[in-house]
Amino acid sequence: MKRPPYDIAVDGQPIQQIETVSVLSNKYIRERTGDFSDSRLSAKLASLATGELSVAPHEVSRMTVEAGSTGKLLEVPDLGRGRQESRRAAQFGQLLLERPQRDIAAELVAVKYTTPRLAAREFAATNTVRSRLGYDAAYEQIGFVSNGHHIGGISRYRHEVTTLDRVLWNDAATREQRLAAMAFAGVWLGTLHEHGIAHGDAQMKNIAHDSADHPIAVDLESAHDLDDPRVIPERLIANDIADTLLLQPYRLRREEFSAFRDSYLDTHRATIVADARIQAIYDQPIHPVVRYASE
């Protein structure tokens, strides 16, 4: 069938239709602490009707919407090439909104369907990371959509973001690439810890950078504030380090470990996890993960 001449939809498979559009209240944008749980936002998301898109306020989503808008989500698998699946797999594609009084709004997006509690928690953690580390340190969040069973957290797609599993879980990576990746992993994790945030799942598929090698925090649904009086910060930091060092297809070489340790300690100088503890973590058995095959 011939496409309309002004159709801006990309080729892809439908994820779901959007029947109604609303705007999320500003009260849900405040910075959270602790484990970033937000019971009020979780309850709000649980109340969304099937096919309802709730867009974050303009200062967060950078989208203009209006009453009576409808639209659709399309999946474009090629946008996800080179990315291992996140804990709850994200789908990459396009969000299209037909607005009654304006031209169509279109965004390339990632959408991750999960529970209202986890969607709310990741939203709050992402807002906190962007507040403490900088605007570009995590994905811009557009909003949420309900498919009647789960809540999809929608964020703006960033083509330039790359995760370290492309190197460290890839049999074809060179020694130099692996050493550079491990040094960056130390900077990435040290930067989060320096700003009081434990990631909670700091394995290579979640350690990301942009084309200028700036750290990008992704998959933050398990993040935790290190100032939470209910937790032991040293334990959360050590767990992050263990995820980085031990969730690997093969044991890291000594020089790779040293590259990570040195850059981590240089970045997070006030760490409460001593060099000897980091060494002890490295000496533990690995937990093998799926890797990229050699080309």
Protein backbone atom coordinates (compact mmCIF):
# COMPACT_ATOMS: atom_id res chain seq x y z
CA MET A 1 0.00 0.00 0.00
CA LYS A 2 1.35 3.43 -0.96
CA ARG A 3 2.24 5.63 1.99
CA PRO A 4 0.70 9.11 2.29
CA PRO A 5 3.12 11.75 0.95
CA TYR A 6 3.53 13.50 4.32
CA ASP A 7 3.75 10.37 6.51
CA ILE A 8 6.73 10.74 8.89
CA ALA A 9 6.32 7.37 10.59
CA VAL A 10 9.40 5.17 10.31
CA ASP A 11 9.06 1.57 9.21
CA GLY A 12 8.35 -0.58 12.24
CA GLN A 13 5.97 -2.89 13.99
CA PRO A 14 3.21 -1.51 16.24
CA ILE A 15 3.88 -1.75 19.98
CA GLN A 16 0.59 -0.21 21.04
CA GLN A 17 -1.98 2.47 20.26
CA ILE A 18 -2.31 5.61 22.35
CA GLU A 19 -5.95 6.45 22.92
CA THR A 20 -5.65 9.37 25.35
CA VAL A 21 -2.93 11.75 26.50
CA SER A 22 -2.50 13.50 29.84
CA VAL A 23 0.23 15.56 31.51
CA LEU A 24 1.86 14.38 34.73
CA SER A 25 1.65 16.84 37.62
CA ASN A 26 4.78 18.71 38.70
CA LYS A 27 4.42 17.24 42.19
CA TYR A 28 5.87 13.97 40.88
CA ILE A 29 9.12 15.61 39.72
CA ARG A 30 10.60 16.42 43.13
CA GLU A 31 13.89 14.74 44.02
CA ARG A 32 13.54 11.53 45.98
CA THR A 33 16.01 9.87 48.34
CA GLY A 34 16.38 6.40 49.88
CA ASP A 35 15.65 3.70 47.32
CA PHE A 36 13.88 6.31 45.14
CA SER A 37 10.49 4.68 45.70
CA ASP A 38 7.52 6.99 45.16
CA SER A 39 4.25 5.50 46.35
CA ARG A 40 2.15 8.42 45.05
CA LEU A 41 3.60 8.18 41.54
CA SER A 42 3.29 4.39 41.64
CA ALA A 43 -0.41 4.70 42.51
CA LYS A 44 -0.88 7.27 39.75
CA LEU A 45 0.70 4.96 37.17
CA ALA A 46 -1.39 2.02 38.35
CA SER A 47 -4.50 4.11 37.66
CA LEU A 48 -3.66 4.85 34.01
CA ALA A 49 -6.24 3.53 31.58
CA THR A 50 -5.22 1.11 28.85
CA GLY A 51 -3.75 3.15 26.00
CA GLU A 52 -3.26 6.25 28.15
CA LEU A 53 -0.01 8.18 27.74
CA SER A 54 0.95 10.40 30.68
CA VAL A 55 3.63 12.86 29.56
CA ALA A 56 6.07 14.38 32.06
CA PRO A 57 5.93 18.19 32.41
CA HIS A 58 7.57 20.14 29.60
CA GLU A 59 10.73 20.94 31.57
CA VAL A 60 11.40 17.17 31.82
CA SER A 61 9.87 15.72 28.65
CA ARG A 62 10.51 18.67 26.31
CA MET A 63 7.27 17.72 24.56
CA THR A 64 4.17 19.82 23.94
CA VAL A 65 0.94 17.86 24.13
CA GLU A 66 -2.72 18.82 24.26
CA ALA A 67 -6.07 17.33 25.16
CA GLY A 68 -7.56 15.10 22.50
CA SER A 69 -4.21 13.85 21.19
CA THR A 70 -3.92 10.24 20.05
CA GLY A 71 -1.05 8.28 18.61
CA LYS A 72 0.98 5.10 18.53
CA LEU A 73 4.26 3.49 19.49
CA LEU A 74 6.21 1.69 16.77
CA GLU A 75 9.12 -0.70 17.33
CA VAL A 76 12.21 -0.23 15.14
CA PRO A 77 14.53 -3.14 16.04
CA ASP A 78 17.54 -1.66 14.21
CA LEU A 79 17.66 1.16 16.78
CA GLY A 80 18.61 -1.43 19.39
CA ARG A 81 21.44 -3.02 17.43
CA GLY A 82 24.59 -3.58 19.45
CA ARG A 83 22.77 -3.33 22.77
CA GLN A 84 22.34 -6.27 25.12
CA GLU A 85 18.90 -6.51 26.70
CA SER A 86 18.41 -4.65 29.95
CA ARG A 87 17.06 -6.45 32.98
CA ARG A 88 13.57 -5.77 31.68
CA ALA A 89 14.08 -5.53 27.95
CA ALA A 90 13.62 -2.15 26.35
CA GLN A 91 12.03 -1.77 22.93
CA PHE A 92 13.35 0.95 20.64
CA GLY A 93 11.20 2.81 18.18
CA GLN A 94 9.12 5.89 17.47
CA LEU A 95 6.42 7.73 19.38
CA LEU A 96 3.91 9.56 17.17
CA LEU A 97 1.25 11.91 18.52
CA GLU A 98 -1.50 13.44 16.41
CA ARG A 99 -2.36 16.76 18.09
CA PRO A 100 -5.72 18.36 17.20
CA GLN A 101 -4.46 21.96 16.98
CA ARG A 102 -0.79 21.44 16.09
CA ASP A 103 1.27 19.39 13.67
CA ILE A 104 2.23 15.85 14.63
CA ALA A 105 4.81 15.33 17.43
CA ALA A 106 7.39 12.60 16.75
CA GLU A 107 10.22 11.23 18.88
CA LEU A 108 12.62 8.30 18.65
CA VAL A 109 12.25 6.55 21.99
CA ALA A 110 12.99 3.57 24.18
CA VAL A 111 10.09 2.04 26.10
CA LYS A 112 10.49 -0.43 28.95
CA TYR A 113 7.41 -2.17 30.34
CA THR A 114 7.49 -3.04 34.02
CA THR A 115 5.44 -2.66 37.20
CA PRO A 116 4.13 0.73 38.36
CA ARG A 117 6.45 0.55 41.39
CA LEU A 118 9.61 -0.06 39.37
CA ALA A 119 8.64 2.45 36.68
CA ALA A 120 8.13 5.12 39.36
CA ARG A 121 11.37 4.19 41.08
CA GLU A 122 13.45 4.43 37.89
CA PHE A 123 11.82 7.75 37.03
CA ALA A 124 12.79 9.23 40.41
CA ALA A 125 16.32 7.78 40.30
CA THR A 126 16.88 9.15 36.80
CA ASN A 127 15.72 12.62 37.86
CA THR A 128 18.15 12.49 40.79
CA VAL A 129 21.09 11.43 38.62
CA ARG A 130 20.42 14.25 36.17
CA SER A 131 20.12 16.71 39.05
CA ARG A 132 23.41 15.68 40.69
CA LEU A 133 25.58 14.68 37.71
CA GLY A 134 24.21 16.90 34.98
CA TYR A 135 21.43 17.12 32.43
CA ASP A 136 23.02 14.66 29.96
CA ALA A 137 24.13 12.07 32.55
CA ALA A 138 20.94 10.00 32.10
CA TYR A 139 18.16 9.66 29.54
CA GLU A 140 15.47 12.31 29.17
CA GLN A 141 12.19 10.88 30.34
CA ILE A 142 9.13 11.54 28.24
CA GLY A 143 6.48 9.80 30.32
CA PHE A 144 4.53 6.60 30.81
CA VAL A 145 2.02 4.52 28.89
CA SER A 146 -0.22 1.68 30.04
CA ASN A 147 -0.89 -1.41 27.94
CA GLY A 148 -3.42 -2.73 30.43
CA HIS A 149 -0.95 -5.13 32.04
CA HIS A 150 2.26 -3.14 32.57
CA ILE A 151 3.50 0.43 32.59
CA GLY A 152 5.92 1.47 29.88
CA GLY A 153 8.48 4.05 30.90
CA ILE A 154 9.31 6.11 27.78
CA SER A 155 12.62 7.92 27.34
CA ARG A 156 14.14 9.82 24.44
CA TYR A 157 16.41 7.65 22.27
CA ARG A 158 20.08 8.61 22.11
CA HIS A 159 21.91 7.05 19.20
CA GLU A 160 25.35 8.06 20.50
CA VAL A 161 25.10 6.10 23.76
CA THR A 162 27.14 2.89 23.84
CA THR A 163 27.49 0.30 26.61
CA LEU A 164 30.70 -1.48 27.61
CA ASP A 165 29.41 -4.98 26.88
CA ARG A 166 30.24 -4.18 23.25
CA VAL A 167 33.89 -4.43 24.23
CA LEU A 168 34.16 -6.45 27.42
CA TRP A 169 31.69 -9.17 26.44
CA ASN A 170 33.01 -9.28 22.88
CA ASP A 171 35.57 -11.92 21.90
CA ALA A 172 36.84 -9.71 19.08
CA ALA A 173 37.87 -6.79 21.32
CA THR A 174 41.58 -5.93 21.43
CA ARG A 175 43.74 -5.67 24.54
CA GLU A 176 43.88 -1.88 24.19
CA GLN A 177 40.09 -1.63 23.85
CA ARG A 178 39.56 -3.79 26.93
CA LEU A 179 42.00 -1.79 29.05
CA ALA A 180 40.39 1.48 28.02
CA ALA A 181 36.92 0.06 28.73
CA MET A 182 37.91 -1.10 32.21
CA ALA A 183 39.48 2.26 33.00
CA PHE A 184 36.25 3.95 31.89
CA ALA A 185 34.20 1.54 34.03
CA GLY A 186 36.15 2.77 37.05
CA VAL A 187 35.43 6.39 36.17
CA TRP A 188 31.75 5.65 35.55
CA LEU A 189 31.22 3.82 38.83
CA GLY A 190 33.39 6.22 40.81
CA THR A 191 31.40 9.16 39.45
CA LEU A 192 28.09 7.67 40.60
CA HIS A 193 29.46 6.83 44.04
CA GLU A 194 31.10 10.25 44.34
CA HIS A 195 27.64 11.78 43.91
CA GLY A 196 26.05 9.52 46.51
CA ILE A 197 24.32 6.99 44.26
CA ALA A 198 24.70 3.20 44.13
CA HIS A 199 23.58 1.74 40.82
CA GLY A 200 22.36 -1.68 41.96
CA ASP A 201 23.12 -3.51 38.69
CA ALA A 202 26.50 -2.15 37.57
CA GLN A 203 27.35 -4.79 34.99
CA MET A 204 28.86 -3.94 31.63
CA LYS A 205 25.59 -3.74 29.69
CA ASN A 206 24.54 -0.89 32.00
CA ILE A 207 27.82 1.06 31.98
CA ALA A 208 27.40 3.58 29.18
CA HIS A 209 29.09 6.55 27.54
CA ASP A 210 28.39 9.01 24.77
CA SER A 211 30.61 9.75 21.78
CA ALA A 212 32.70 12.14 23.91
CA ASP A 213 33.18 9.40 26.55
CA HIS A 214 31.02 11.14 29.15
CA PRO A 215 29.47 8.70 31.67
CA ILE A 216 25.78 7.95 31.10
CA ALA A 217 23.69 6.16 33.75
CA VAL A 218 21.12 3.70 32.40
CA ASP A 219 18.75 1.07 33.85
CA LEU A 220 18.38 2.79 37.22
CA GLU A 221 15.44 0.86 38.62
CA SER A 222 17.66 -0.66 41.36
CA ALA A 223 19.56 2.52 42.25
CA HIS A 224 19.86 3.65 45.87
CA ASP A 225 20.87 6.84 47.66
CA LEU A 226 24.05 6.16 49.66
CA ASP A 227 22.94 8.66 52.33
CA ASP A 228 19.91 6.53 53.21
CA PRO A 229 20.28 5.86 56.97
CA ARG A 230 18.56 2.48 56.56
CA VAL A 231 21.40 0.98 54.51
CA ILE A 232 25.11 0.27 54.90
CA PRO A 233 26.78 2.35 52.15
CA GLU A 234 29.91 0.20 52.11
CA ARG A 235 27.82 -2.85 51.25
CA LEU A 236 26.04 -1.12 48.36
CA ILE A 237 29.33 0.18 46.97
CA ALA A 238 30.96 -3.24 47.26
CA ASN A 239 27.97 -4.85 45.51
CA ASP A 240 28.34 -2.43 42.60
CA ILE A 241 32.05 -3.21 42.32
CA ALA A 242 31.29 -6.94 42.43
CA ASP A 243 28.72 -6.59 39.61
CA THR A 244 31.31 -4.80 37.48
CA LEU A 245 34.18 -7.21 38.13
CA LEU A 246 32.43 -10.58 38.45
CA LEU A 247 29.53 -10.49 35.98
CA GLN A 248 31.82 -11.36 33.07
CA PRO A 249 32.11 -14.16 30.48
CA TYR A 250 35.74 -14.71 31.56
CA ARG A 251 37.85 -13.68 34.53
CA LEU A 252 39.32 -10.24 33.97
CA ARG A 253 43.08 -10.15 33.51
CA ARG A 254 45.14 -8.62 36.28
CA GLU A 255 46.01 -5.57 34.17
CA GLU A 256 42.31 -5.05 33.35
CA PHE A 257 41.43 -5.18 37.03
CA SER A 258 44.23 -2.72 37.81
CA ALA A 259 42.94 -0.31 35.16
CA PHE A 260 39.50 -0.38 36.80
CA ARG A 261 40.75 -0.13 40.38
CA ASP A 262 43.12 2.75 39.70
CA SER A 263 40.59 4.86 37.81
CA TYR A 264 37.87 4.10 40.38
CA LEU A 265 40.03 5.19 43.30
CA ASP A 266 41.21 8.28 41.41
CA THR A 267 37.59 9.27 40.75
CA HIS A 268 36.09 8.38 44.13
CA ARG A 269 38.91 9.44 46.42
CA ALA A 270 36.73 9.42 49.54
CA THR A 271 35.49 5.86 49.02
CA ILE A 272 34.81 3.85 52.17
CA VAL A 273 35.71 0.62 50.34
CA ALA A 274 39.47 0.19 50.68
CA ASP A 275 41.87 -1.05 48.02
CA ALA A 276 42.21 -4.39 49.85
CA ARG A 277 38.44 -4.92 49.77
CA ILE A 278 38.35 -4.23 46.03
CA GLN A 279 41.16 -6.75 45.56
CA ALA A 280 39.23 -9.33 47.62
CA ILE A 281 36.17 -8.84 45.43
CA TYR A 282 38.24 -9.40 42.28
CA ASP A 283 39.59 -12.66 43.75
CA GLN A 284 36.07 -14.13 44.10
CA PRO A 285 34.67 -16.55 41.46
CA ILE A 286 33.00 -14.89 38.47
CA HIS A 287 29.35 -15.30 37.52
CA PRO A 288 29.48 -15.99 33.76
CA VAL A 289 27.22 -13.94 31.48
CA VAL A 290 26.21 -14.27 27.83
CA ARG A 291 28.75 -12.56 25.56
CA TYR A 292 29.04 -11.32 22.02
CA ALA A 293 30.42 -13.91 19.60
CA SER A 294 33.59 -13.24 17.65
CA GLU A 295 32.98 -11.98 14.14
